[in-house]
């Protein structure tokens, strides 16, 4: 029997597996950062698994742009998948995203992240603020601290004159309201600025102290229940790239993203904070903020929350914050 060329081609196509769709993910955190190793890399591996190999994710060893550029990079198709801090984008496009940046929100990164995905995603229409992309995740870390190498902050006056690195957003306004000077810079810049004395301190988590090699340049770290502040993160894919995937593969990827990713990345943050505290030990003086400092924090936080809520137009920021805190079990009173 003679097989014609068209028939042969059809036969070969039927037995040759289709090439996988490779998604390029730009990553700006250090490759060994616990969130990369314990959240993004496992997610990428699971994408390949749940799509039966039809979709793969290649996490680049070096970022394709600066950390603040990463949302625009996904929206514009420079990279397929990116992540980053909302506050790194220094315009007001992510105004509603501030929901998760305030003080006294929660000490558990899983609860924080799941509440953020739920409340920001639903009540405050997060998708609209991320136009041009499809949301894979929205998340937060554990409680934010204030670290410095000058003095213990035992009264509000002790904040005066300190130069504090902030990741932008709410905590910059809070630090300024308390009398310190906020200086914006991305995470990888902090070590050089702190070690050279350009800044006196930094708003960061426990894990960032070890992840960015800051322990030797920090003497005092102040905490409050629920966190002095937090940061909010997006995890997105270019909208056109997302729509080019099959409906089956989109559904499979969505199932391991969103709330599921909030749990995964929250656990990674929690574990990283615990490991960092054990590694740091008594090299840094960790202390709870005094009642006087907590009162000052609450006073300024309440003003900033109210101003934010009143500026949201048709969205009820106060109700969203109340719903968030109900989910995490933390009161701002």
C-alpha atoms as a PDB file:
ATOM      1  CA  UNK A   1       0.000   0.000   0.000  1.00  0.00           C
ATOM      2  CA  UNK A   2       1.348   3.411  -0.988  1.00  0.00           C
ATOM      3  CA  UNK A   3       1.058   6.279   1.485  1.00  0.00           C
ATOM      4  CA  UNK A   4       0.720   9.675  -0.123  1.00  0.00           C
ATOM      5  CA  UNK A   5       2.729  12.609   1.184  1.00  0.00           C
ATOM      6  CA  UNK A   6      -0.331  14.400   2.656  1.00  0.00           C
ATOM      7  CA  UNK A   7      -1.374  11.203   4.412  1.00  0.00           C
ATOM      8  CA  UNK A   8       2.166  10.712   5.743  1.00  0.00           C
ATOM      9  CA  UNK A   9       2.240  14.268   7.058  1.00  0.00           C
ATOM     10  CA  UNK A  10      -1.092  13.790   8.788  1.00  0.00           C
ATOM     11  CA  UNK A  11       0.152  10.541  10.319  1.00  0.00           C
ATOM     12  CA  UNK A  12       3.313  12.169  11.625  1.00  0.00           C
ATOM     13  CA  UNK A  13       1.342  15.026  13.144  1.00  0.00           C
ATOM     14  CA  UNK A  14      -0.942  12.593  14.892  1.00  0.00           C
ATOM     15  CA  UNK A  15       1.932  10.856  16.682  1.00  0.00           C
ATOM     16  CA  UNK A  16       4.194  13.868  17.287  1.00  0.00           C
ATOM     17  CA  UNK A  17       3.388  15.720  20.516  1.00  0.00           C
ATOM     18  CA  UNK A  18       2.704  19.425  20.156  1.00  0.00           C
ATOM     19  CA  UNK A  19       5.471  21.682  21.407  1.00  0.00           C
ATOM     20  CA  UNK A  20       4.871  23.124  24.860  1.00  0.00           C
ATOM     21  CA  UNK A  21       3.955  26.787  25.217  1.00  0.00           C
ATOM     22  CA  UNK A  22       6.835  28.303  27.207  1.00  0.00           C
ATOM     23  CA  UNK A  23       6.031  31.265  29.425  1.00  0.00           C
ATOM     24  CA  UNK A  24       8.961  33.572  30.183  1.00  0.00           C
ATOM     25  CA  UNK A  25       8.892  34.836  33.783  1.00  0.00           C
ATOM     26  CA  UNK A  26      11.097  37.733  34.856  1.00  0.00           C
ATOM     27  CA  UNK A  27      12.238  37.535  38.480  1.00  0.00           C
ATOM     28  CA  UNK A  28      14.090  40.320  40.309  1.00  0.00           C
ATOM     29  CA  UNK A  29      14.469  38.814  43.784  1.00  0.00           C
ATOM     30  CA  UNK A  30      17.732  36.925  44.413  1.00  0.00           C
ATOM     31  CA  UNK A  31      17.462  33.431  42.858  1.00  0.00           C
ATOM     32  CA  UNK A  32      17.830  31.816  46.304  1.00  0.00           C
ATOM     33  CA  UNK A  33      15.262  34.085  47.950  1.00  0.00           C
ATOM     34  CA  UNK A  34      12.801  31.894  49.895  1.00  0.00           C
ATOM     35  CA  UNK A  35       9.819  33.221  47.951  1.00  0.00           C
ATOM     36  CA  UNK A  36      11.455  32.308  44.644  1.00  0.00           C
ATOM     37  CA  UNK A  37      12.551  28.868  45.860  1.00  0.00           C
ATOM     38  CA  UNK A  38       9.448  27.968  47.865  1.00  0.00           C
ATOM     39  CA  UNK A  39       6.631  29.694  45.990  1.00  0.00           C
ATOM     40  CA  UNK A  40       7.388  30.726  42.404  1.00  0.00           C
ATOM     41  CA  UNK A  41       9.504  27.737  41.417  1.00  0.00           C
ATOM     42  CA  UNK A  42       7.043  25.147  42.811  1.00  0.00           C
ATOM     43  CA  UNK A  43       4.190  26.987  41.102  1.00  0.00           C
ATOM     44  CA  UNK A  44       6.079  26.882  37.789  1.00  0.00           C
ATOM     45  CA  UNK A  45       6.677  23.158  38.182  1.00  0.00           C
ATOM     46  CA  UNK A  46       3.013  22.597  38.959  1.00  0.00           C
ATOM     47  CA  UNK A  47       1.934  24.533  35.868  1.00  0.00           C
ATOM     48  CA  UNK A  48       3.716  21.975  33.721  1.00  0.00           C
ATOM     49  CA  UNK A  49       2.162  19.133  35.711  1.00  0.00           C
ATOM     50  CA  UNK A  50      -1.461  20.323  35.657  1.00  0.00           C
ATOM     51  CA  UNK A  51      -1.312  21.115  31.926  1.00  0.00           C
ATOM     52  CA  UNK A  52       0.241  17.722  31.126  1.00  0.00           C
ATOM     53  CA  UNK A  53       3.316  19.460  29.771  1.00  0.00           C
ATOM     54  CA  UNK A  54       1.449  21.710  27.356  1.00  0.00           C
ATOM     55  CA  UNK A  55       2.542  24.848  29.244  1.00  0.00           C
ATOM     56  CA  UNK A  56       5.912  25.398  30.899  1.00  0.00           C
ATOM     57  CA  UNK A  57       7.366  28.354  32.784  1.00  0.00           C
ATOM     58  CA  UNK A  58      10.986  29.456  32.492  1.00  0.00           C
ATOM     59  CA  UNK A  59      12.040  31.705  35.378  1.00  0.00           C
ATOM     60  CA  UNK A  60      14.870  33.905  34.183  1.00  0.00           C
ATOM     61  CA  UNK A  61      18.061  33.943  36.241  1.00  0.00           C
ATOM     62  CA  UNK A  62      18.308  37.703  35.802  1.00  0.00           C
ATOM     63  CA  UNK A  63      15.434  40.207  35.595  1.00  0.00           C
ATOM     64  CA  UNK A  64      14.478  41.705  32.255  1.00  0.00           C
ATOM     65  CA  UNK A  65      14.088  45.151  33.831  1.00  0.00           C
ATOM     66  CA  UNK A  66      14.197  47.060  37.108  1.00  0.00           C
ATOM     67  CA  UNK A  67      11.886  45.929  39.951  1.00  0.00           C
ATOM     68  CA  UNK A  68       9.562  48.955  39.569  1.00  0.00           C
ATOM     69  CA  UNK A  69       9.141  48.180  35.840  1.00  0.00           C
ATOM     70  CA  UNK A  70       7.790  44.687  36.286  1.00  0.00           C
ATOM     71  CA  UNK A  71       4.069  45.347  36.033  1.00  0.00           C
ATOM     72  CA  UNK A  72       4.474  47.340  32.830  1.00  0.00           C
ATOM     73  CA  UNK A  73       6.733  44.594  31.479  1.00  0.00           C
ATOM     74  CA  UNK A  74       3.926  42.040  31.797  1.00  0.00           C
ATOM     75  CA  UNK A  75       1.262  44.408  30.488  1.00  0.00           C
ATOM     76  CA  UNK A  76       3.409  45.344  27.473  1.00  0.00           C
ATOM     77  CA  UNK A  77       4.595  41.802  26.742  1.00  0.00           C
ATOM     78  CA  UNK A  78       8.280  42.352  27.537  1.00  0.00           C
ATOM     79  CA  UNK A  79       7.897  39.273  29.754  1.00  0.00           C
ATOM     80  CA  UNK A  80       4.963  36.886  29.917  1.00  0.00           C
ATOM     81  CA  UNK A  81       4.818  36.564  33.707  1.00  0.00           C
ATOM     82  CA  UNK A  82       6.040  38.989  36.385  1.00  0.00           C
ATOM     83  CA  UNK A  83       5.560  39.851  40.034  1.00  0.00           C
ATOM     84  CA  UNK A  84       6.296  42.888  42.163  1.00  0.00           C
ATOM     85  CA  UNK A  85       5.194  45.363  44.791  1.00  0.00           C
ATOM     86  CA  UNK A  86       2.308  47.671  43.998  1.00  0.00           C
ATOM     87  CA  UNK A  87       4.090  50.464  45.867  1.00  0.00           C
ATOM     88  CA  UNK A  88       7.130  50.265  43.563  1.00  0.00           C
ATOM     89  CA  UNK A  89       4.948  51.791  40.833  1.00  0.00           C
ATOM     90  CA  UNK A  90       5.082  55.448  41.808  1.00  0.00           C
ATOM     91  CA  UNK A  91       1.780  56.598  40.358  1.00  0.00           C
ATOM     92  CA  UNK A  92      -1.784  56.127  41.568  1.00  0.00           C
ATOM     93  CA  UNK A  93      -2.842  53.266  39.303  1.00  0.00           C
ATOM     94  CA  UNK A  94      -2.845  50.860  42.280  1.00  0.00           C
ATOM     95  CA  UNK A  95      -4.583  53.139  44.771  1.00  0.00           C
ATOM     96  CA  UNK A  96      -7.081  50.490  45.919  1.00  0.00           C
ATOM     97  CA  UNK A  97      -4.207  48.028  46.356  1.00  0.00           C
ATOM     98  CA  UNK A  98      -3.198  49.983  49.481  1.00  0.00           C
ATOM     99  CA  UNK A  99      -5.825  47.980  51.336  1.00  0.00           C
ATOM    100  CA  UNK A 100      -3.113  45.529  52.374  1.00  0.00           C
ATOM    101  CA  UNK A 101      -0.382  48.051  53.261  1.00  0.00           C
ATOM    102  CA  UNK A 102      -1.820  49.525  56.456  1.00  0.00           C
ATOM    103  CA  UNK A 103      -0.809  48.912  60.068  1.00  0.00           C
ATOM    104  CA  UNK A 104      -2.365  46.286  62.346  1.00  0.00           C
ATOM    105  CA  UNK A 105      -3.520  43.907  59.590  1.00  0.00           C
ATOM    106  CA  UNK A 106      -2.183  40.547  60.698  1.00  0.00           C
ATOM    107  CA  UNK A 107       0.804  38.495  61.806  1.00  0.00           C
ATOM    108  CA  UNK A 108       0.241  35.479  59.573  1.00  0.00           C
ATOM    109  CA  UNK A 109       1.210  35.754  55.916  1.00  0.00           C
ATOM    110  CA  UNK A 110      -1.210  33.011  54.847  1.00  0.00           C
ATOM    111  CA  UNK A 111      -4.210  34.726  56.444  1.00  0.00           C
ATOM    112  CA  UNK A 112      -3.005  38.107  55.166  1.00  0.00           C
ATOM    113  CA  UNK A 113      -2.575  36.882  51.599  1.00  0.00           C
ATOM    114  CA  UNK A 114      -5.850  34.984  51.444  1.00  0.00           C
ATOM    115  CA  UNK A 115      -7.768  37.952  52.866  1.00  0.00           C
ATOM    116  CA  UNK A 116      -6.048  40.240  50.381  1.00  0.00           C
ATOM    117  CA  UNK A 117      -6.910  38.037  47.402  1.00  0.00           C
ATOM    118  CA  UNK A 118     -10.502  37.808  48.574  1.00  0.00           C
ATOM    119  CA  UNK A 119     -11.240  41.402  49.603  1.00  0.00           C
ATOM    120  CA  UNK A 120      -9.109  43.378  47.154  1.00  0.00           C
ATOM    121  CA  UNK A 121      -9.971  40.966  44.383  1.00  0.00           C
ATOM    122  CA  UNK A 122     -13.713  41.186  44.970  1.00  0.00           C
ATOM    123  CA  UNK A 123     -14.851  44.276  46.873  1.00  0.00           C
ATOM    124  CA  UNK A 124     -12.235  46.583  45.353  1.00  0.00           C
ATOM    125  CA  UNK A 125     -12.108  45.073  41.833  1.00  0.00           C
ATOM    126  CA  UNK A 126      -8.385  44.360  41.667  1.00  0.00           C
ATOM    127  CA  UNK A 127      -8.628  43.137  38.068  1.00  0.00           C
ATOM    128  CA  UNK A 128      -9.497  46.653  36.890  1.00  0.00           C
ATOM    129  CA  UNK A 129      -6.323  48.084  38.439  1.00  0.00           C
ATOM    130  CA  UNK A 130      -4.289  45.399  36.651  1.00  0.00           C
ATOM    131  CA  UNK A 131      -5.729  45.973  33.178  1.00  0.00           C
ATOM    132  CA  UNK A 132      -3.723  44.393  30.379  1.00  0.00           C
ATOM    133  CA  UNK A 133      -2.850  41.368  32.489  1.00  0.00           C
ATOM    134  CA  UNK A 134      -4.546  38.382  34.062  1.00  0.00           C
ATOM    135  CA  UNK A 135      -4.161  38.092  37.824  1.00  0.00           C
ATOM    136  CA  UNK A 136      -2.399  34.940  38.969  1.00  0.00           C
ATOM    137  CA  UNK A 137      -1.965  36.093  42.551  1.00  0.00           C
ATOM    138  CA  UNK A 138      -2.244  38.894  45.083  1.00  0.00           C
ATOM    139  CA  UNK A 139      -0.380  38.498  48.331  1.00  0.00           C
ATOM    140  CA  UNK A 140       1.301  40.027  51.370  1.00  0.00           C
ATOM    141  CA  UNK A 141       4.165  39.074  53.652  1.00  0.00           C
ATOM    142  CA  UNK A 142       4.238  38.696  57.430  1.00  0.00           C
ATOM    143  CA  UNK A 143       4.233  41.653  59.828  1.00  0.00           C
ATOM    144  CA  UNK A 144       6.447  44.572  58.807  1.00  0.00           C
ATOM    145  CA  UNK A 145       8.991  45.919  61.316  1.00  0.00           C
ATOM    146  CA  UNK A 146      11.032  49.099  61.652  1.00  0.00           C
ATOM    147  CA  UNK A 147      14.764  48.358  61.890  1.00  0.00           C
ATOM    148  CA  UNK A 148      17.486  50.911  62.595  1.00  0.00           C
ATOM    149  CA  UNK A 149      21.073  51.218  63.806  1.00  0.00           C
ATOM    150  CA  UNK A 150      20.788  54.493  65.757  1.00  0.00           C
ATOM    151  CA  UNK A 151      18.483  54.038  68.753  1.00  0.00           C
ATOM    152  CA  UNK A 152      15.557  52.215  70.264  1.00  0.00           C
ATOM    153  CA  UNK A 153      12.309  53.984  69.444  1.00  0.00           C
ATOM    154  CA  UNK A 154      10.678  54.305  72.859  1.00  0.00           C
ATOM    155  CA  UNK A 155       8.765  57.548  72.302  1.00  0.00           C
ATOM    156  CA  UNK A 156       7.363  59.153  69.137  1.00  0.00           C
ATOM    157  CA  UNK A 157      10.098  61.804  69.418  1.00  0.00           C
ATOM    158  CA  UNK A 158      12.723  59.096  68.852  1.00  0.00           C
ATOM    159  CA  UNK A 159      11.594  58.903  65.226  1.00  0.00           C
ATOM    160  CA  UNK A 160      12.686  62.477  64.581  1.00  0.00           C
ATOM    161  CA  UNK A 161      15.513  62.799  62.098  1.00  0.00           C
ATOM    162  CA  UNK A 162      15.870  59.111  61.224  1.00  0.00           C
ATOM    163  CA  UNK A 163      16.341  58.359  57.523  1.00  0.00           C
ATOM    164  CA  UNK A 164      14.270  55.243  56.858  1.00  0.00           C
ATOM    165  CA  UNK A 165      14.125  53.239  53.649  1.00  0.00           C
ATOM    166  CA  UNK A 166      10.553  52.512  52.639  1.00  0.00           C
ATOM    167  CA  UNK A 167       9.100  50.470  49.759  1.00  0.00           C
ATOM    168  CA  UNK A 168       6.802  53.348  48.835  1.00  0.00           C
ATOM    169  CA  UNK A 169       3.077  53.487  49.472  1.00  0.00           C
ATOM    170  CA  UNK A 170       1.464  53.775  52.892  1.00  0.00           C
ATOM    171  CA  UNK A 171       4.524  53.182  55.049  1.00  0.00           C
ATOM    172  CA  UNK A 172       6.278  56.147  53.456  1.00  0.00           C
ATOM    173  CA  UNK A 173       3.393  58.383  54.504  1.00  0.00           C
ATOM    174  CA  UNK A 174       3.363  56.823  57.984  1.00  0.00           C
ATOM    175  CA  UNK A 175       7.089  57.290  58.583  1.00  0.00           C
ATOM    176  CA  UNK A 176       6.840  60.897  57.439  1.00  0.00           C
ATOM    177  CA  UNK A 177       3.844  61.562  59.719  1.00  0.00           C
ATOM    178  CA  UNK A 178       5.863  60.231  62.666  1.00  0.00           C
ATOM    179  CA  UNK A 179       8.722  62.658  61.999  1.00  0.00           C
ATOM    180  CA  UNK A 180      11.271  60.524  60.174  1.00  0.00           C
ATOM    181  CA  UNK A 181      12.480  60.990  56.597  1.00  0.00           C
ATOM    182  CA  UNK A 182      11.283  58.243  54.224  1.00  0.00           C
ATOM    183  CA  UNK A 183      13.588  57.315  51.343  1.00  0.00           C
ATOM    184  CA  UNK A 184      12.209  55.083  48.600  1.00  0.00           C
ATOM    185  CA  UNK A 185      14.385  52.341  47.176  1.00  0.00           C
ATOM    186  CA  UNK A 186      13.848  48.792  45.975  1.00  0.00           C
ATOM    187  CA  UNK A 187      14.917  45.866  48.146  1.00  0.00           C
ATOM    188  CA  UNK A 188      18.198  45.004  46.372  1.00  0.00           C
ATOM    189  CA  UNK A 189      19.476  48.570  46.921  1.00  0.00           C
ATOM    190  CA  UNK A 190      19.149  48.510  50.719  1.00  0.00           C
ATOM    191  CA  UNK A 191      22.378  46.715  51.701  1.00  0.00           C
ATOM    192  CA  UNK A 192      24.637  49.270  50.041  1.00  0.00           C
ATOM    193  CA  UNK A 193      22.724  52.284  51.369  1.00  0.00           C
ATOM    194  CA  UNK A 194      22.510  50.919  54.924  1.00  0.00           C
ATOM    195  CA  UNK A 195      26.131  49.762  55.132  1.00  0.00           C
ATOM    196  CA  UNK A 196      27.357  53.131  53.797  1.00  0.00           C
ATOM    197  CA  UNK A 197      25.231  55.120  56.249  1.00  0.00           C
ATOM    198  CA  UNK A 198      23.062  56.743  53.590  1.00  0.00           C
ATOM    199  CA  UNK A 199      20.055  55.498  55.564  1.00  0.00           C
ATOM    200  CA  UNK A 200      19.676  54.849  59.299  1.00  0.00           C
ATOM    201  CA  UNK A 201      17.068  52.149  59.062  1.00  0.00           C
ATOM    202  CA  UNK A 202      14.611  50.247  56.953  1.00  0.00           C
ATOM    203  CA  UNK A 203      10.999  49.103  56.899  1.00  0.00           C
ATOM    204  CA  UNK A 204      11.324  45.379  56.270  1.00  0.00           C
ATOM    205  CA  UNK A 205      10.257  41.913  57.417  1.00  0.00           C
ATOM    206  CA  UNK A 206      12.269  39.480  59.514  1.00  0.00           C
ATOM    207  CA  UNK A 207      13.245  37.422  56.477  1.00  0.00           C
ATOM    208  CA  UNK A 208      14.544  40.433  54.545  1.00  0.00           C
ATOM    209  CA  UNK A 209      17.215  40.949  57.216  1.00  0.00           C
ATOM    210  CA  UNK A 210      18.889  37.693  56.220  1.00  0.00           C
ATOM    211  CA  UNK A 211      17.802  37.583  52.568  1.00  0.00           C
ATOM    212  CA  UNK A 212      19.504  40.921  51.896  1.00  0.00           C
ATOM    213  CA  UNK A 213      22.419  40.511  54.344  1.00  0.00           C
ATOM    214  CA  UNK A 214      21.448  43.359  56.688  1.00  0.00           C
ATOM    215  CA  UNK A 215      21.966  41.829  60.146  1.00  0.00           C
ATOM    216  CA  UNK A 216      25.404  43.360  60.794  1.00  0.00           C
ATOM    217  CA  UNK A 217      24.080  46.849  60.047  1.00  0.00           C
ATOM    218  CA  UNK A 218      20.953  46.736  62.222  1.00  0.00           C
ATOM    219  CA  UNK A 219      20.885  47.120  66.018  1.00  0.00           C
ATOM    220  CA  UNK A 220      17.209  47.585  66.900  1.00  0.00           C
ATOM    221  CA  UNK A 221      13.998  46.150  65.450  1.00  0.00           C
ATOM    222  CA  UNK A 222      10.576  47.343  66.618  1.00  0.00           C
ATOM    223  CA  UNK A 223       7.422  45.265  66.300  1.00  0.00           C
ATOM    224  CA  UNK A 224       3.709  45.767  66.999  1.00  0.00           C
ATOM    225  CA  UNK A 225       0.960  43.115  66.993  1.00  0.00           C
ATOM    226  CA  UNK A 226      -0.471  42.944  63.475  1.00  0.00           C
ATOM    227  CA  UNK A 227       2.533  44.633  61.909  1.00  0.00           C
ATOM    228  CA  UNK A 228       3.660  48.252  61.648  1.00  0.00           C
ATOM    229  CA  UNK A 229       2.924  48.037  57.928  1.00  0.00           C
ATOM    230  CA  UNK A 230       2.798  45.517  55.103  1.00  0.00           C
ATOM    231  CA  UNK A 231       3.532  45.371  51.399  1.00  0.00           C
ATOM    232  CA  UNK A 232       1.193  44.191  48.670  1.00  0.00           C
ATOM    233  CA  UNK A 233       2.300  42.148  45.699  1.00  0.00           C
ATOM    234  CA  UNK A 234       0.904  41.300  42.271  1.00  0.00           C
ATOM    235  CA  UNK A 235       1.615  38.142  40.273  1.00  0.00           C
ATOM    236  CA  UNK A 236       0.429  38.544  36.695  1.00  0.00           C
ATOM    237  CA  UNK A 237       0.578  37.225  33.146  1.00  0.00           C
ATOM    238  CA  UNK A 238       0.242  39.237  29.955  1.00  0.00           C
ATOM    239  CA  UNK A 239      -3.433  39.236  28.938  1.00  0.00           C
ATOM    240  CA  UNK A 240      -2.836  38.341  25.285  1.00  0.00           C
ATOM    241  CA  UNK A 241      -0.498  35.508  26.232  1.00  0.00           C
ATOM    242  CA  UNK A 242      -3.072  34.232  28.733  1.00  0.00           C
ATOM    243  CA  UNK A 243      -5.846  34.311  26.155  1.00  0.00           C
ATOM    244  CA  UNK A 244      -3.663  32.400  23.696  1.00  0.00           C
ATOM    245  CA  UNK A 245      -3.679  29.384  26.016  1.00  0.00           C
ATOM    246  CA  UNK A 246      -6.442  26.833  25.715  1.00  0.00           C
ATOM    247  CA  UNK A 247      -9.485  27.122  27.968  1.00  0.00           C
ATOM    248  CA  UNK A 248      -8.501  23.814  29.577  1.00  0.00           C
ATOM    249  CA  UNK A 249      -4.999  25.022  30.417  1.00  0.00           C
ATOM    250  CA  UNK A 250      -6.234  28.389  31.713  1.00  0.00           C
ATOM    251  CA  UNK A 251      -8.620  26.614  34.062  1.00  0.00           C
ATOM    252  CA  UNK A 252      -5.860  24.295  35.271  1.00  0.00           C
ATOM    253  CA  UNK A 253      -3.469  27.186  35.948  1.00  0.00           C
ATOM    254  CA  UNK A 254      -6.151  29.262  37.676  1.00  0.00           C
ATOM    255  CA  UNK A 255      -6.829  26.333  40.004  1.00  0.00           C
ATOM    256  CA  UNK A 256      -3.273  26.453  41.381  1.00  0.00           C
ATOM    257  CA  UNK A 257      -3.145  30.258  41.448  1.00  0.00           C
ATOM    258  CA  UNK A 258      -5.315  32.807  43.286  1.00  0.00           C
ATOM    259  CA  UNK A 259      -6.265  31.526  46.743  1.00  0.00           C
ATOM    260  CA  UNK A 260      -4.110  28.421  46.327  1.00  0.00           C
ATOM    261  CA  UNK A 261      -1.068  30.534  45.545  1.00  0.00           C
ATOM    262  CA  UNK A 262      -1.902  32.854  48.451  1.00  0.00           C
ATOM    263  CA  UNK A 263      -1.573  29.868  50.765  1.00  0.00           C
ATOM    264  CA  UNK A 264       1.627  28.682  49.080  1.00  0.00           C
ATOM    265  CA  UNK A 265       3.395  32.042  49.145  1.00  0.00           C
ATOM    266  CA  UNK A 266       2.065  32.858  52.621  1.00  0.00           C
ATOM    267  CA  UNK A 267       3.553  29.646  53.963  1.00  0.00           C
ATOM    268  CA  UNK A 268       6.847  30.507  52.275  1.00  0.00           C
ATOM    269  CA  UNK A 269       6.868  33.939  53.970  1.00  0.00           C
ATOM    270  CA  UNK A 270       5.990  32.443  57.376  1.00  0.00           C
ATOM    271  CA  UNK A 271       8.702  29.802  57.128  1.00  0.00           C
ATOM    272  CA  UNK A 272      11.245  32.390  55.977  1.00  0.00           C
ATOM    273  CA  UNK A 273      10.426  34.705  58.897  1.00  0.00           C
ATOM    274  CA  UNK A 274      10.767  31.847  61.386  1.00  0.00           C
ATOM    275  CA  UNK A 275      14.087  30.747  59.900  1.00  0.00           C
ATOM    276  CA  UNK A 276      15.400  34.327  59.876  1.00  0.00           C
ATOM    277  CA  UNK A 277      14.551  34.882  63.541  1.00  0.00           C
ATOM    278  CA  UNK A 278      16.393  31.679  64.451  1.00  0.00           C
ATOM    279  CA  UNK A 279      19.422  32.689  62.371  1.00  0.00           C
ATOM    280  CA  UNK A 280      19.567  36.230  63.769  1.00  0.00           C
ATOM    281  CA  UNK A 281      19.164  35.145  67.388  1.00  0.00           C
ATOM    282  CA  UNK A 282      20.361  37.894  69.760  1.00  0.00           C
ATOM    283  CA  UNK A 283      22.449  39.759  67.192  1.00  0.00           C
ATOM    284  CA  UNK A 284      19.654  42.349  66.951  1.00  0.00           C
ATOM    285  CA  UNK A 285      17.548  43.787  69.778  1.00  0.00           C
ATOM    286  CA  UNK A 286      13.939  42.892  68.913  1.00  0.00           C
ATOM    287  CA  UNK A 287      11.428  44.726  71.084  1.00  0.00           C
ATOM    288  CA  UNK A 288       7.724  45.477  71.242  1.00  0.00           C
ATOM    289  CA  UNK A 289       6.751  49.097  70.673  1.00  0.00           C
ATOM    290  CA  UNK A 290       5.867  50.968  73.850  1.00  0.00           C
ATOM    291  CA  UNK A 291       2.220  51.906  74.511  1.00  0.00           C
ATOM    292  CA  UNK A 292       3.122  55.532  73.749  1.00  0.00           C
ATOM    293  CA  UNK A 293       4.557  54.625  70.350  1.00  0.00           C
ATOM    294  CA  UNK A 294       1.631  52.303  69.580  1.00  0.00           C
ATOM    295  CA  UNK A 295      -0.801  55.122  70.391  1.00  0.00           C
ATOM    296  CA  UNK A 296       1.033  57.460  68.006  1.00  0.00           C
ATOM    297  CA  UNK A 297       1.036  54.781  65.318  1.00  0.00           C
ATOM    298  CA  UNK A 298      -2.697  54.218  65.704  1.00  0.00           C
ATOM    299  CA  UNK A 299      -3.436  57.934  65.569  1.00  0.00           C
ATOM    300  CA  UNK A 300      -1.529  58.474  62.336  1.00  0.00           C
ATOM    301  CA  UNK A 301      -2.689  55.166  60.821  1.00  0.00           C
ATOM    302  CA  UNK A 302      -6.338  56.077  61.402  1.00  0.00           C
ATOM    303  CA  UNK A 303      -5.867  59.408  59.612  1.00  0.00           C
ATOM    304  CA  UNK A 304      -4.167  57.757  56.643  1.00  0.00           C
ATOM    305  CA  UNK A 305      -6.780  55.003  56.420  1.00  0.00           C
ATOM    306  CA  UNK A 306      -9.598  57.566  56.438  1.00  0.00           C
ATOM    307  CA  UNK A 307      -7.960  59.719  53.763  1.00  0.00           C
ATOM    308  CA  UNK A 308      -7.429  56.639  51.584  1.00  0.00           C
ATOM    309  CA  UNK A 309     -10.989  55.423  52.014  1.00  0.00           C
ATOM    310  CA  UNK A 310     -12.485  58.822  51.259  1.00  0.00           C
ATOM    311  CA  UNK A 311     -10.465  59.029  48.053  1.00  0.00           C
ATOM    312  CA  UNK A 312     -11.798  55.815  46.516  1.00  0.00           C
ATOM    313  CA  UNK A 313     -14.929  57.258  44.970  1.00  0.00           C
ATOM    314  CA  UNK A 314     -17.520  54.517  44.517  1.00  0.00           C
ATOM    315  CA  UNK A 315     -15.515  51.972  46.514  1.00  0.00           C
ATOM    316  CA  UNK A 316     -15.931  51.644  50.298  1.00  0.00           C
ATOM    317  CA  UNK A 317     -12.399  51.386  51.662  1.00  0.00           C
ATOM    318  CA  UNK A 318     -13.504  51.395  55.298  1.00  0.00           C
ATOM    319  CA  UNK A 319     -15.795  48.403  54.696  1.00  0.00           C
ATOM    320  CA  UNK A 320     -13.026  46.603  52.814  1.00  0.00           C
ATOM    321  CA  UNK A 321     -10.583  47.166  55.700  1.00  0.00           C
ATOM    322  CA  UNK A 322     -13.165  45.949  58.203  1.00  0.00           C
ATOM    323  CA  UNK A 323     -13.780  42.812  56.127  1.00  0.00           C
ATOM    324  CA  UNK A 324     -10.034  42.248  55.835  1.00  0.00           C
ATOM    325  CA  UNK A 325      -9.438  42.533  59.580  1.00  0.00           C
ATOM    326  CA  UNK A 326     -12.398  40.286  60.306  1.00  0.00           C
ATOM    327  CA  UNK A 327     -10.754  37.602  58.147  1.00  0.00           C
ATOM    328  CA  UNK A 328      -7.360  37.952  59.847  1.00  0.00           C
ATOM    329  CA  UNK A 329      -8.773  38.446  63.359  1.00  0.00           C
ATOM    330  CA  UNK A 330      -6.913  41.695  64.081  1.00  0.00           C
ATOM    331  CA  UNK A 331      -8.467  44.862  65.459  1.00  0.00           C
ATOM    332  CA  UNK A 332      -7.083  48.340  64.860  1.00  0.00           C
ATOM    333  CA  UNK A 333      -8.789  49.722  67.964  1.00  0.00           C
END
